[in-house]
Amino acid sequence: MKDLKYFTLHPQYLDDFDNINQQLIDGLNSHIDKESTRKSHHFFGRYENIYIDKNEIPSISDILEHAKFFAAKILDCESNELKAGLWFNVMNPGDKTTLHRHDDDDELLSAVYYVQVSKNSGTLRLIKDPVVIEVKPKAGMFVFFKPDMPHEVSVNASNGCRISLGINIGSA
């Protein structure tokens, strides 16, 4: 597998994302308050990570397959050599995500996929002092980066909710 440079970002886009994104939003709305939905990372009055089983929302499997396909191209391997997991991140007006990394386990690559984005709903900030790269989110966009890259999301200054999926990819 290819070794990635520290600040190599890999944006990728789904061509027909409207339908899949609506399925993700509908599934999130119907499962977010169920007891089977696991939530973690409670900061500033909200859970940053919301885990819903892919059997509850079939379109999650579609996103995972796309993530593995794109990751295989980036890592120069076959997608069947990879596994991926994801969680929802819901940012209401005024919410932000604190500086963190995704290198807790055996991650090879991390990503974010944007489901619902309003203008001024926060930017992804990738930080390696003194350099800060800001990525403006767009619905249907994946951004892949190294799992040990410190990153945060600026305050959602819009009037709408922003929904994204955090994704970690490792060896199968």
C-alpha atoms as a PDB file:
ATOM      1  CA  MET A   1       0.000   0.000   0.000  1.00  0.00           C
ATOM      2  CA  LYS A   2       1.063   3.524  -0.740  1.00  0.00           C
ATOM      3  CA  ASP A   3       2.490   5.733   2.019  1.00  0.00           C
ATOM      4  CA  LEU A   4       0.592   9.022   2.134  1.00  0.00           C
ATOM      5  CA  LYS A   5       2.164  12.445   2.505  1.00  0.00           C
ATOM      6  CA  TYR A   6       0.984  14.261   5.598  1.00  0.00           C
ATOM      7  CA  PHE A   7      -1.054  16.959   3.890  1.00  0.00           C
ATOM      8  CA  THR A   8      -2.334  14.935   0.975  1.00  0.00           C
ATOM      9  CA  LEU A   9      -6.104  15.447   0.776  1.00  0.00           C
ATOM     10  CA  HIS A  10      -8.265  13.426  -1.527  1.00  0.00           C
ATOM     11  CA  PRO A  11     -11.679  14.912  -2.307  1.00  0.00           C
ATOM     12  CA  GLN A  12     -14.049  12.582  -4.179  1.00  0.00           C
ATOM     13  CA  TYR A  13     -17.661  13.112  -5.229  1.00  0.00           C
ATOM     14  CA  LEU A  14     -20.694  10.910  -5.705  1.00  0.00           C
ATOM     15  CA  ASP A  15     -22.419  11.633  -9.007  1.00  0.00           C
ATOM     16  CA  ASP A  16     -25.993  10.956  -7.932  1.00  0.00           C
ATOM     17  CA  PHE A  17     -25.973  11.761  -4.233  1.00  0.00           C
ATOM     18  CA  ASP A  18     -29.407  13.352  -3.719  1.00  0.00           C
ATOM     19  CA  ASN A  19     -31.300  10.056  -3.366  1.00  0.00           C
ATOM     20  CA  ILE A  20     -28.740   8.356  -1.120  1.00  0.00           C
ATOM     21  CA  ASN A  21     -28.389  11.471   1.052  1.00  0.00           C
ATOM     22  CA  GLN A  22     -32.166  11.685   1.507  1.00  0.00           C
ATOM     23  CA  GLN A  23     -32.214   8.015   2.562  1.00  0.00           C
ATOM     24  CA  LEU A  24     -29.458   8.738   5.089  1.00  0.00           C
ATOM     25  CA  ILE A  25     -31.344  11.760   6.481  1.00  0.00           C
ATOM     26  CA  ASP A  26     -34.620   9.834   6.704  1.00  0.00           C
ATOM     27  CA  GLY A  27     -32.880   6.896   8.398  1.00  0.00           C
ATOM     28  CA  LEU A  28     -31.074   9.159  10.843  1.00  0.00           C
ATOM     29  CA  ASN A  29     -34.306  10.929  11.761  1.00  0.00           C
ATOM     30  CA  SER A  30     -36.159   7.665  12.337  1.00  0.00           C
ATOM     31  CA  HIS A  31     -33.395   5.996  14.388  1.00  0.00           C
ATOM     32  CA  ILE A  32     -31.598   8.780  16.266  1.00  0.00           C
ATOM     33  CA  ASP A  33     -33.690   8.437  19.420  1.00  0.00           C
ATOM     34  CA  LYS A  34     -33.986   4.633  19.483  1.00  0.00           C
ATOM     35  CA  GLU A  35     -32.349   2.719  22.332  1.00  0.00           C
ATOM     36  CA  SER A  36     -30.346   0.659  19.812  1.00  0.00           C
ATOM     37  CA  THR A  37     -28.612   3.824  18.579  1.00  0.00           C
ATOM     38  CA  ARG A  38     -25.270   4.280  20.309  1.00  0.00           C
ATOM     39  CA  LYS A  39     -23.917   7.769  20.936  1.00  0.00           C
ATOM     40  CA  SER A  40     -20.483   8.852  22.130  1.00  0.00           C
ATOM     41  CA  HIS A  41     -18.234  11.875  22.588  1.00  0.00           C
ATOM     42  CA  HIS A  42     -20.585  14.173  24.509  1.00  0.00           C
ATOM     43  CA  PHE A  43     -19.115  17.676  24.175  1.00  0.00           C
ATOM     44  CA  PHE A  44     -20.802  21.073  24.419  1.00  0.00           C
ATOM     45  CA  GLY A  45     -24.239  19.532  25.013  1.00  0.00           C
ATOM     46  CA  ARG A  46     -24.304  17.178  22.014  1.00  0.00           C
ATOM     47  CA  TYR A  47     -23.065  13.751  20.982  1.00  0.00           C
ATOM     48  CA  GLU A  48     -20.490  14.068  18.212  1.00  0.00           C
ATOM     49  CA  ASN A  49     -20.721  10.415  17.179  1.00  0.00           C
ATOM     50  CA  ILE A  50     -24.042   8.706  16.458  1.00  0.00           C
ATOM     51  CA  TYR A  51     -23.795   5.036  15.475  1.00  0.00           C
ATOM     52  CA  ILE A  52     -26.726   3.450  13.629  1.00  0.00           C
ATOM     53  CA  ASP A  53     -26.449  -0.128  12.362  1.00  0.00           C
ATOM     54  CA  LYS A  54     -26.194  -0.426   8.579  1.00  0.00           C
ATOM     55  CA  ASN A  55     -29.040  -2.965   8.671  1.00  0.00           C
ATOM     56  CA  GLU A  56     -31.306  -0.139   9.878  1.00  0.00           C
ATOM     57  CA  ILE A  57     -30.306   2.203   7.031  1.00  0.00           C
ATOM     58  CA  PRO A  58     -29.294   0.239   3.901  1.00  0.00           C
ATOM     59  CA  SER A  59     -27.784   3.320   2.222  1.00  0.00           C
ATOM     60  CA  ILE A  60     -25.012   3.229   4.857  1.00  0.00           C
ATOM     61  CA  SER A  61     -23.682   0.140   3.044  1.00  0.00           C
ATOM     62  CA  ASP A  62     -23.616   2.134  -0.208  1.00  0.00           C
ATOM     63  CA  ILE A  63     -21.496   4.860   1.422  1.00  0.00           C
ATOM     64  CA  LEU A  64     -19.145   2.263   2.947  1.00  0.00           C
ATOM     65  CA  GLU A  65     -18.669   0.600  -0.452  1.00  0.00           C
ATOM     66  CA  HIS A  66     -17.951   3.942  -2.128  1.00  0.00           C
ATOM     67  CA  ALA A  67     -15.530   4.846   0.683  1.00  0.00           C
ATOM     68  CA  LYS A  68     -13.630   1.554   0.252  1.00  0.00           C
ATOM     69  CA  PHE A  69     -13.569   2.003  -3.542  1.00  0.00           C
ATOM     70  CA  PHE A  70     -12.076   5.503  -3.296  1.00  0.00           C
ATOM     71  CA  ALA A  71      -9.724   4.482  -0.461  1.00  0.00           C
ATOM     72  CA  ALA A  72      -8.400   1.558  -2.509  1.00  0.00           C
ATOM     73  CA  LYS A  73      -7.456   3.975  -5.289  1.00  0.00           C
ATOM     74  CA  ILE A  74      -5.743   6.314  -2.815  1.00  0.00           C
ATOM     75  CA  LEU A  75      -3.914   3.508  -0.989  1.00  0.00           C
ATOM     76  CA  ASP A  76      -3.119   1.584  -4.195  1.00  0.00           C
ATOM     77  CA  CYS A  77      -4.769  -1.670  -3.125  1.00  0.00           C
ATOM     78  CA  GLU A  78      -7.944  -3.645  -3.750  1.00  0.00           C
ATOM     79  CA  SER A  79     -11.164  -2.588  -2.014  1.00  0.00           C
ATOM     80  CA  ASN A  80     -11.675  -6.158  -0.702  1.00  0.00           C
ATOM     81  CA  GLU A  81      -8.463  -5.662   1.318  1.00  0.00           C
ATOM     82  CA  LEU A  82     -10.174  -2.886   3.290  1.00  0.00           C
ATOM     83  CA  LYS A  83     -12.843  -2.564   5.965  1.00  0.00           C
ATOM     84  CA  ALA A  84     -14.680   0.621   6.863  1.00  0.00           C
ATOM     85  CA  GLY A  85     -16.895   1.897   9.631  1.00  0.00           C
ATOM     86  CA  LEU A  86     -18.803   5.125  10.011  1.00  0.00           C
ATOM     87  CA  TRP A  87     -20.869   7.296  12.322  1.00  0.00           C
ATOM     88  CA  PHE A  88     -23.186  10.265  11.885  1.00  0.00           C
ATOM     89  CA  ASN A  89     -22.197  13.733  13.041  1.00  0.00           C
ATOM     90  CA  VAL A  90     -25.080  16.172  13.443  1.00  0.00           C
ATOM     91  CA  MET A  91     -24.152  19.841  13.877  1.00  0.00           C
ATOM     92  CA  ASN A  92     -26.981  22.219  14.701  1.00  0.00           C
ATOM     93  CA  PRO A  93     -26.504  26.011  14.590  1.00  0.00           C
ATOM     94  CA  GLY A  94     -23.797  26.999  17.087  1.00  0.00           C
ATOM     95  CA  ASP A  95     -22.233  23.509  17.249  1.00  0.00           C
ATOM     96  CA  LYS A  96     -18.559  22.804  16.560  1.00  0.00           C
ATOM     97  CA  THR A  97     -16.270  19.776  16.718  1.00  0.00           C
ATOM     98  CA  THR A  98     -13.100  19.989  18.796  1.00  0.00           C
ATOM     99  CA  LEU A  99      -9.586  19.182  17.605  1.00  0.00           C
ATOM    100  CA  HIS A 100      -9.025  15.406  17.422  1.00  0.00           C
ATOM    101  CA  ARG A 101      -7.469  12.573  15.402  1.00  0.00           C
ATOM    102  CA  HIS A 102      -8.598   9.113  14.264  1.00  0.00           C
ATOM    103  CA  ASP A 103      -5.479   7.026  14.861  1.00  0.00           C
ATOM    104  CA  ASP A 104      -6.701   5.019  17.853  1.00  0.00           C
ATOM    105  CA  ASP A 105      -6.571   1.593  16.212  1.00  0.00           C
ATOM    106  CA  ASP A 106      -5.359   0.271  12.863  1.00  0.00           C
ATOM    107  CA  GLU A 107      -6.774   2.994  10.625  1.00  0.00           C
ATOM    108  CA  LEU A 108      -5.096   3.476   7.263  1.00  0.00           C
ATOM    109  CA  LEU A 109      -7.234   6.381   6.130  1.00  0.00           C
ATOM    110  CA  SER A 110      -9.979   8.600   7.526  1.00  0.00           C
ATOM    111  CA  ALA A 111     -12.710  10.437   5.676  1.00  0.00           C
ATOM    112  CA  VAL A 112     -15.753  12.595   6.016  1.00  0.00           C
ATOM    113  CA  TYR A 113     -18.782  12.353   3.740  1.00  0.00           C
ATOM    114  CA  TYR A 114     -21.183  15.291   3.597  1.00  0.00           C
ATOM    115  CA  VAL A 115     -24.893  14.472   3.652  1.00  0.00           C
ATOM    116  CA  GLN A 116     -26.561  17.846   4.334  1.00  0.00           C
ATOM    117  CA  VAL A 117     -24.734  21.157   4.162  1.00  0.00           C
ATOM    118  CA  SER A 118     -25.987  24.715   4.564  1.00  0.00           C
ATOM    119  CA  LYS A 119     -23.973  27.790   3.631  1.00  0.00           C
ATOM    120  CA  ASN A 120     -21.749  28.781   6.612  1.00  0.00           C
ATOM    121  CA  SER A 121     -22.391  25.489   8.427  1.00  0.00           C
ATOM    122  CA  GLY A 122     -18.715  25.068   9.341  1.00  0.00           C
ATOM    123  CA  THR A 123     -15.496  24.108   7.581  1.00  0.00           C
ATOM    124  CA  LEU A 124     -13.261  21.104   8.089  1.00  0.00           C
ATOM    125  CA  ARG A 125      -9.956  22.401   9.444  1.00  0.00           C
ATOM    126  CA  LEU A 126      -6.897  20.131   9.073  1.00  0.00           C
ATOM    127  CA  ILE A 127      -4.083  21.365  11.294  1.00  0.00           C
ATOM    128  CA  LYS A 128      -0.363  20.680  11.403  1.00  0.00           C
ATOM    129  CA  ASP A 129       1.175  23.793  12.955  1.00  0.00           C
ATOM    130  CA  PRO A 130       1.842  26.216  11.443  1.00  0.00           C
ATOM    131  CA  VAL A 131      -0.277  25.061   8.462  1.00  0.00           C
ATOM    132  CA  VAL A 132      -4.090  25.041   8.544  1.00  0.00           C
ATOM    133  CA  ILE A 133      -6.061  23.783   5.552  1.00  0.00           C
ATOM    134  CA  GLU A 134      -9.770  24.632   5.451  1.00  0.00           C
ATOM    135  CA  VAL A 135     -12.160  22.551   3.377  1.00  0.00           C
ATOM    136  CA  LYS A 136     -15.579  23.974   2.541  1.00  0.00           C
ATOM    137  CA  PRO A 137     -18.078  21.099   2.642  1.00  0.00           C
ATOM    138  CA  LYS A 138     -20.466  20.231  -0.180  1.00  0.00           C
ATOM    139  CA  ALA A 139     -23.223  17.634  -0.146  1.00  0.00           C
ATOM    140  CA  GLY A 140     -22.061  14.461  -1.897  1.00  0.00           C
ATOM    141  CA  MET A 141     -18.367  15.119  -1.211  1.00  0.00           C
ATOM    142  CA  PHE A 142     -15.904  12.768   0.475  1.00  0.00           C
ATOM    143  CA  VAL A 143     -12.639  14.126   1.885  1.00  0.00           C
ATOM    144  CA  PHE A 144      -9.976  11.513   2.672  1.00  0.00           C
ATOM    145  CA  PHE A 145      -6.953  12.249   4.883  1.00  0.00           C
ATOM    146  CA  LYS A 146      -4.402  10.524   7.101  1.00  0.00           C
ATOM    147  CA  PRO A 147      -5.923   9.277  10.372  1.00  0.00           C
ATOM    148  CA  ASP A 148      -3.234  10.971  12.482  1.00  0.00           C
ATOM    149  CA  MET A 149      -4.070  14.378  10.974  1.00  0.00           C
ATOM    150  CA  PRO A 150      -5.375  16.695  13.729  1.00  0.00           C
ATOM    151  CA  HIS A 151      -8.663  18.200  12.586  1.00  0.00           C
ATOM    152  CA  GLU A 152     -11.716  20.075  13.814  1.00  0.00           C
ATOM    153  CA  VAL A 153     -14.884  21.626  12.427  1.00  0.00           C
ATOM    154  CA  SER A 154     -15.569  25.328  12.868  1.00  0.00           C
ATOM    155  CA  VAL A 155     -18.815  26.634  14.343  1.00  0.00           C
ATOM    156  CA  ASN A 156     -21.997  26.064  12.361  1.00  0.00           C
ATOM    157  CA  ALA A 157     -22.918  29.706  11.745  1.00  0.00           C
ATOM    158  CA  SER A 158     -25.919  28.837   9.572  1.00  0.00           C
ATOM    159  CA  ASN A 159     -29.581  28.490  10.488  1.00  0.00           C
ATOM    160  CA  GLY A 160     -29.622  24.842   9.351  1.00  0.00           C
ATOM    161  CA  CYS A 161     -28.405  21.491  10.537  1.00  0.00           C
ATOM    162  CA  ARG A 162     -25.278  20.030   8.956  1.00  0.00           C
ATOM    163  CA  ILE A 163     -25.032  16.236   8.714  1.00  0.00           C
ATOM    164  CA  SER A 164     -21.858  14.367   7.861  1.00  0.00           C
ATOM    165  CA  LEU A 165     -20.491  10.855   8.232  1.00  0.00           C
ATOM    166  CA  GLY A 166     -17.125  10.232   9.856  1.00  0.00           C
ATOM    167  CA  ILE A 167     -15.401   7.213   8.311  1.00  0.00           C
ATOM    168  CA  ASN A 168     -12.369   5.141   9.291  1.00  0.00           C
ATOM    169  CA  ILE A 169     -10.796   2.649   6.908  1.00  0.00           C
ATOM    170  CA  GLY A 170      -8.451  -0.153   7.896  1.00  0.00           C
ATOM    171  CA  SER A 171      -7.124  -3.466   6.614  1.00  0.00           C
ATOM    172  CA  ALA A 172      -9.720  -6.232   6.271  1.00  0.00           C
END
